[in-house]
Amino acid sequence: MQHGKYRFIVGFLLVPLVLYGVFVISPFVQAIYYSFTDWTGLSSDFKMVGFDNYQRMFKDDVFWTSVGHNVLLLLLLPLVTIGLGLFFAFMLNVGGRRRKNAAVAGVRGSSVYKIIYFFPQVLSIAIVALLFQFAYNPNSGAINSLLKAVGLDSVQPEWLGDPQLALWCVMAVMVWSNVGFYVVLFSAGMSSIPKDYYEAALLDGANRIQSFFKITLPLLWDTVQTGWVYMGIMALDGFAVVQIMTVGPGGPDYSTELLSFFLYTKAFRDGQAGYATTLGVALLIVTLIFAGIVMKLGRRERLEY
């Protein structure tokens, strides 16, 4: 049985590893190489400039503004999205009233709610961004029209036109478009937790909040941790929403500028591909640091059931 084992393993792994190296690892290496050049992205002629692009990046005020916005999204977007996802999933699976045949059950109509929550995932992010762009329109948008209809004519924010509100409007769209995915994801995880655990906790006098923190969250921790990393990567991106929704885009006054969109403008609008790849390297480093911190802080003993 051991004869030829390693040749068999290498035979299966060789092609996938080669493809991964060519299409995943190679672009990263090329990006790091081009970050030390003055490449415009439109010509094959370029020269090495050393660390000039990195020195320029650290002195660029727009870069630090975009990093600050990304850090804000990193702190709030996963927390709000995953928190809402856990709350709705818990209510749909074990948060309902007791019934005759089961001591633990979800709210009535939970299957319908799951479809409603998941609906934004069916829509393209471009469609979602366009819909909310129309909704945020200060003159004819649905939100201000609703405020006017209920007698709040004096409250007519500019929304995406207000530097103080624009980023929060973008964040609200990102939460709305992603929370349904986590509701379904966490619901699938909760449905596999034995109901006996919840029934035993109820018999011992535990309420719903205690059941959530003592049973549900520890048993779903691996799923929550993975979702946190994924949502953090979404927060570091956010390109499509900013590109479609915002004024400028990226405005007003760089109030919605994100690192991914700043990279895009430098590469495709300004023809500074060398500097753009430098920003890409910075984005890669921030992503790896974020993932490492989440995995390190979230490490705990694995619970099995």
Foldseek 3Di string as FASTA:
>chain_A
DPPCPVVVVCVVVVVVVVVCCVPPVVVLVVLVVLLQWQALLPDPDIDGNGCPLVVVLVVDPLNVLQVVLLVVCLVPLLVVLLVLLLVLLCQQAFVDCQDDVGRGGHHPPSVVVLCVQCVLVVDDPLVLLVLVLQQLCQPRHVVQVVCVVVPNVVPRDNQLQDLVRNSVSLSVSLSSSRSSVSNVVLNVQVVPFDCVLVVVCVVVPDDSVCCCVVPSCQQCLVVSLVSSLVSSVVSLASQSNQVNRHVVRCDDVNSNRHLNNVLVCCNPVVSRPSSSSVSVVVSVVVSVVSNVVSCVVSDDDHDDD
